[in-house]
Amino acid sequence: MQEKNEKFINTLGEIIKEHRLLCNKSIYKISAESNIPKTTWRRIEQGCHKDILLTSLWKIAEGLEIKPETLIKELTDKLGNEFTLID
């Protein structure tokens, strides 16, 4: 179960970082715009954040100027249809 959680969080962090770089925004700038601390943003991108609240995910998406469902869709695509967090 722990491995699945780590894969989930790491993949989400990679997607978020890709979008931030596409927006050409530094962590400092995007964290200020989205009201998420720089440390938290960095930890999310690095996959070090254990869990992300839905409200935080929504703020992240807004900071990246995308819809939250875009992050979820990309996460689903990267993890594959067979991926599950339930054992």
N, C-alpha and C. Protein backbone atom coordinates (compact mmCIF):
# COMPACT_ATOMS: atom_id res chain seq x y z
N MET A 1 0.83 -1.20 0.00
CA MET A 1 0.00 0.00 0.00
C MET A 1 0.87 1.25 0.00
N GLN A 2 1.93 1.25 0.80
CA GLN A 2 2.82 2.41 0.87
C GLN A 2 3.43 2.72 -0.49
N GLU A 3 3.81 1.69 -1.24
CA GLU A 3 4.40 1.88 -2.56
C GLU A 3 3.41 2.54 -3.51
N LYS A 4 2.15 2.14 -3.43
CA LYS A 4 1.12 2.72 -4.29
C LYS A 4 0.92 4.20 -3.97
N ASN A 5 0.88 4.51 -2.68
CA ASN A 5 0.73 5.91 -2.26
C ASN A 5 1.90 6.75 -2.77
N GLU A 6 3.12 6.22 -2.65
CA GLU A 6 4.30 6.94 -3.11
C GLU A 6 4.27 7.15 -4.61
N LYS A 7 3.87 6.13 -5.34
CA LYS A 7 3.78 6.26 -6.80
C LYS A 7 2.75 7.33 -7.17
N PHE A 8 1.63 7.32 -6.49
CA PHE A 8 0.57 8.29 -6.72
C PHE A 8 1.08 9.71 -6.48
N ILE A 9 1.67 9.94 -5.32
CA ILE A 9 2.15 11.27 -4.94
C ILE A 9 3.30 11.73 -5.84
N ASN A 10 4.23 10.82 -6.15
CA ASN A 10 5.36 11.17 -7.03
C ASN A 10 4.89 11.55 -8.42
N THR A 11 3.95 10.80 -8.95
CA THR A 11 3.44 11.08 -10.29
C THR A 11 2.69 12.40 -10.31
N LEU A 12 1.89 12.65 -9.30
CA LEU A 12 1.18 13.93 -9.22
C LEU A 12 2.17 15.08 -9.13
N GLY A 13 3.21 14.93 -8.34
CA GLY A 13 4.23 15.96 -8.23
C GLY A 13 4.91 16.25 -9.55
N GLU A 14 5.20 15.21 -10.31
CA GLU A 14 5.82 15.39 -11.63
C GLU A 14 4.90 16.17 -12.57
N ILE A 15 3.63 15.85 -12.55
CA ILE A 15 2.65 16.53 -13.40
C ILE A 15 2.56 18.01 -13.01
N ILE A 16 2.49 18.27 -11.73
CA ILE A 16 2.41 19.65 -11.25
C ILE A 16 3.65 20.44 -11.66
N LYS A 17 4.82 19.84 -11.50
CA LYS A 17 6.06 20.52 -11.89
C LYS A 17 6.08 20.80 -13.39
N GLU A 18 5.66 19.83 -14.21
CA GLU A 18 5.61 20.02 -15.66
C GLU A 18 4.75 21.24 -16.01
N HIS A 19 3.59 21.32 -15.38
CA HIS A 19 2.68 22.45 -15.66
C HIS A 19 3.27 23.77 -15.19
N ARG A 20 3.92 23.75 -14.03
CA ARG A 20 4.53 24.99 -13.53
C ARG A 20 5.61 25.48 -14.50
N LEU A 21 6.42 24.57 -14.98
CA LEU A 21 7.48 24.95 -15.92
C LEU A 21 6.88 25.44 -17.24
N LEU A 22 5.78 24.83 -17.68
CA LEU A 22 5.10 25.30 -18.89
C LEU A 22 4.56 26.72 -18.72
N CYS A 23 4.16 27.04 -17.49
CA CYS A 23 3.68 28.40 -17.18
C CYS A 23 4.83 29.38 -17.03
N ASN A 24 6.05 28.83 -17.00
CA ASN A 24 7.26 29.65 -16.82
C ASN A 24 7.21 30.44 -15.51
N LYS A 25 6.81 29.73 -14.45
CA LYS A 25 6.72 30.37 -13.14
C LYS A 25 7.67 29.68 -12.16
N SER A 26 8.31 30.47 -11.36
CA SER A 26 9.16 29.92 -10.30
C SER A 26 8.27 29.42 -9.16
N ILE A 27 8.84 28.60 -8.32
CA ILE A 27 8.09 28.15 -7.14
C ILE A 27 7.72 29.35 -6.28
N TYR A 28 8.63 30.31 -6.17
CA TYR A 28 8.36 31.51 -5.36
C TYR A 28 7.13 32.25 -5.89
N LYS A 29 7.09 32.46 -7.21
CA LYS A 29 5.98 33.22 -7.81
C LYS A 29 4.65 32.46 -7.69
N ILE A 30 4.67 31.18 -8.05
CA ILE A 30 3.40 30.44 -8.04
C ILE A 30 2.89 30.19 -6.63
N SER A 31 3.80 30.04 -5.68
CA SER A 31 3.35 29.85 -4.31
C SER A 31 2.70 31.13 -3.77
N ALA A 32 3.24 32.27 -4.15
CA ALA A 32 2.64 33.54 -3.74
C ALA A 32 1.27 33.73 -4.38
N GLU A 33 1.16 33.39 -5.66
CA GLU A 33 -0.11 33.54 -6.37
C GLU A 33 -1.19 32.60 -5.85
N SER A 34 -0.79 31.40 -5.45
CA SER A 34 -1.78 30.40 -5.04
C SER A 34 -1.96 30.32 -3.52
N ASN A 35 -1.18 31.11 -2.79
CA ASN A 35 -1.26 31.13 -1.33
C ASN A 35 -0.92 29.77 -0.72
N ILE A 36 0.07 29.09 -1.34
CA ILE A 36 0.59 27.84 -0.81
C ILE A 36 2.06 28.09 -0.50
N PRO A 37 2.50 27.80 0.71
CA PRO A 37 3.90 28.06 1.06
C PRO A 37 4.89 27.40 0.09
N LYS A 38 6.01 28.10 -0.15
CA LYS A 38 7.04 27.58 -1.07
C LYS A 38 7.48 26.18 -0.68
N THR A 39 7.69 25.98 0.60
CA THR A 39 8.15 24.67 1.08
C THR A 39 7.13 23.59 0.74
N THR A 40 5.87 23.88 0.94
CA THR A 40 4.82 22.91 0.62
C THR A 40 4.80 22.62 -0.87
N TRP A 41 4.87 23.68 -1.67
CA TRP A 41 4.85 23.50 -3.13
C TRP A 41 6.04 22.62 -3.57
N ARG A 42 7.21 22.93 -3.05
CA ARG A 42 8.41 22.17 -3.40
C ARG A 42 8.27 20.71 -2.98
N ARG A 43 7.76 20.49 -1.78
CA ARG A 43 7.57 19.11 -1.29
C ARG A 43 6.58 18.34 -2.15
N ILE A 44 5.55 19.01 -2.62
CA ILE A 44 4.56 18.35 -3.49
C ILE A 44 5.23 17.95 -4.80
N GLU A 45 5.98 18.86 -5.39
CA GLU A 45 6.66 18.57 -6.65
C GLU A 45 7.68 17.44 -6.50
N GLN A 46 8.32 17.37 -5.36
CA GLN A 46 9.34 16.34 -5.13
C GLN A 46 8.75 15.02 -4.66
N GLY A 47 7.45 14.99 -4.45
CA GLY A 47 6.81 13.77 -3.99
C GLY A 47 7.05 13.48 -2.52
N CYS A 48 7.43 14.50 -1.78
CA CYS A 48 7.72 14.34 -0.35
C CYS A 48 6.51 14.63 0.53
N HIS A 49 5.46 15.15 -0.05
CA HIS A 49 4.27 15.49 0.71
C HIS A 49 3.41 14.23 0.81
N LYS A 50 3.05 13.82 2.00
CA LYS A 50 2.38 12.53 2.19
C LYS A 50 0.96 12.51 1.63
N ASP A 51 0.26 13.61 1.70
CA ASP A 51 -1.12 13.65 1.24
C ASP A 51 -1.45 15.09 0.87
N ILE A 52 -2.34 15.25 -0.08
CA ILE A 52 -2.73 16.58 -0.54
C ILE A 52 -4.24 16.72 -0.38
N LEU A 53 -4.64 17.77 0.32
CA LEU A 53 -6.07 18.04 0.49
C LEU A 53 -6.68 18.46 -0.84
N LEU A 54 -7.94 18.18 -1.00
CA LEU A 54 -8.64 18.58 -2.23
C LEU A 54 -8.60 20.10 -2.40
N THR A 55 -8.71 20.84 -1.32
CA THR A 55 -8.65 22.30 -1.42
C THR A 55 -7.27 22.75 -1.90
N SER A 56 -6.23 22.08 -1.46
CA SER A 56 -4.87 22.42 -1.92
C SER A 56 -4.70 22.08 -3.39
N LEU A 57 -5.23 20.93 -3.80
CA LEU A 57 -5.15 20.54 -5.20
C LEU A 57 -5.86 21.56 -6.08
N TRP A 58 -6.98 22.06 -5.60
CA TRP A 58 -7.75 23.07 -6.33
C TRP A 58 -6.92 24.35 -6.47
N LYS A 59 -6.29 24.79 -5.37
CA LYS A 59 -5.44 25.98 -5.41
C LYS A 59 -4.26 25.79 -6.36
N ILE A 60 -3.68 24.61 -6.33
CA ILE A 60 -2.55 24.30 -7.23
C ILE A 60 -3.00 24.44 -8.67
N ALA A 61 -4.13 23.85 -9.00
CA ALA A 61 -4.65 23.93 -10.36
C ALA A 61 -4.90 25.38 -10.77
N GLU A 62 -5.48 26.15 -9.88
CA GLU A 62 -5.73 27.57 -10.18
C GLU A 62 -4.42 28.31 -10.41
N GLY A 63 -3.42 28.02 -9.60
CA GLY A 63 -2.11 28.65 -9.78
C GLY A 63 -1.47 28.27 -11.10
N LEU A 64 -1.76 27.06 -11.58
CA LEU A 64 -1.23 26.59 -12.86
C LEU A 64 -2.11 27.00 -14.03
N GLU A 65 -3.22 27.67 -13.71
CA GLU A 65 -4.17 28.15 -14.71
C GLU A 65 -4.78 27.00 -15.52
N ILE A 66 -5.10 25.92 -14.79
CA ILE A 66 -5.79 24.79 -15.39
C ILE A 66 -6.92 24.37 -14.45
N LYS A 67 -7.78 23.50 -14.93
CA LYS A 67 -8.86 22.99 -14.10
C LYS A 67 -8.35 21.82 -13.28
N PRO A 68 -8.87 21.62 -12.07
CA PRO A 68 -8.43 20.50 -11.24
C PRO A 68 -8.59 19.15 -11.96
N GLU A 69 -9.64 19.02 -12.76
CA GLU A 69 -9.85 17.75 -13.46
C GLU A 69 -8.75 17.44 -14.47
N THR A 70 -8.06 18.48 -14.94
CA THR A 70 -6.92 18.27 -15.85
C THR A 70 -5.82 17.51 -15.12
N LEU A 71 -5.55 17.90 -13.88
CA LEU A 71 -4.53 17.19 -13.09
C LEU A 71 -4.95 15.74 -12.86
N ILE A 72 -6.20 15.53 -12.52
CA ILE A 72 -6.69 14.18 -12.26
C ILE A 72 -6.64 13.33 -13.53
N LYS A 73 -7.03 13.92 -14.66
CA LYS A 73 -7.00 13.19 -15.94
C LYS A 73 -5.58 12.79 -16.29
N GLU A 74 -4.64 13.72 -16.18
CA GLU A 74 -3.25 13.41 -16.50
C GLU A 74 -2.69 12.37 -15.53
N LEU A 75 -3.07 12.45 -14.28
CA LEU A 75 -2.63 11.48 -13.28
C LEU A 75 -3.17 10.09 -13.65
N THR A 76 -4.42 10.01 -14.01
CA THR A 76 -5.03 8.75 -14.43
C THR A 76 -4.33 8.19 -15.67
N ASP A 77 -4.05 9.06 -16.63
CA ASP A 77 -3.38 8.62 -17.86
C ASP A 77 -1.99 8.07 -17.56
N LYS A 78 -1.23 8.75 -16.70
CA LYS A 78 0.13 8.31 -16.39
C LYS A 78 0.16 7.04 -15.55
N LEU A 79 -0.77 6.91 -14.62
CA LEU A 79 -0.78 5.74 -13.75
C LEU A 79 -1.40 4.52 -14.43
N GLY A 80 -2.28 4.77 -15.38
CA GLY A 80 -2.94 3.67 -16.09
C GLY A 80 -4.25 3.29 -15.46
N ASN A 81 -5.10 2.68 -16.26
CA ASN A 81 -6.43 2.30 -15.80
C ASN A 81 -6.42 1.22 -14.74
N GLU A 82 -5.37 0.45 -14.66
CA GLU A 82 -5.30 -0.64 -13.70
C GLU A 82 -4.82 -0.19 -12.31
N PHE A 83 -4.33 1.04 -12.22
CA PHE A 83 -3.81 1.52 -10.95
C PHE A 83 -4.95 1.71 -9.96
N THR A 84 -4.69 1.29 -8.73
CA THR A 84 -5.66 1.47 -7.65
C THR A 84 -4.90 1.70 -6.35
N LEU A 85 -5.50 2.46 -5.46
CA LEU A 85 -4.93 2.64 -4.12
C LEU A 85 -5.51 1.65 -3.12
N ILE A 86 -6.49 0.90 -3.55
CA ILE A 86 -7.14 -0.09 -2.69
C ILE A 86 -6.49 -1.45 -2.96
N ASP A 87 -6.16 -2.13 -1.90
CA ASP A 87 -5.58 -3.48 -2.04
C ASP A 87 -6.65 -4.51 -2.25
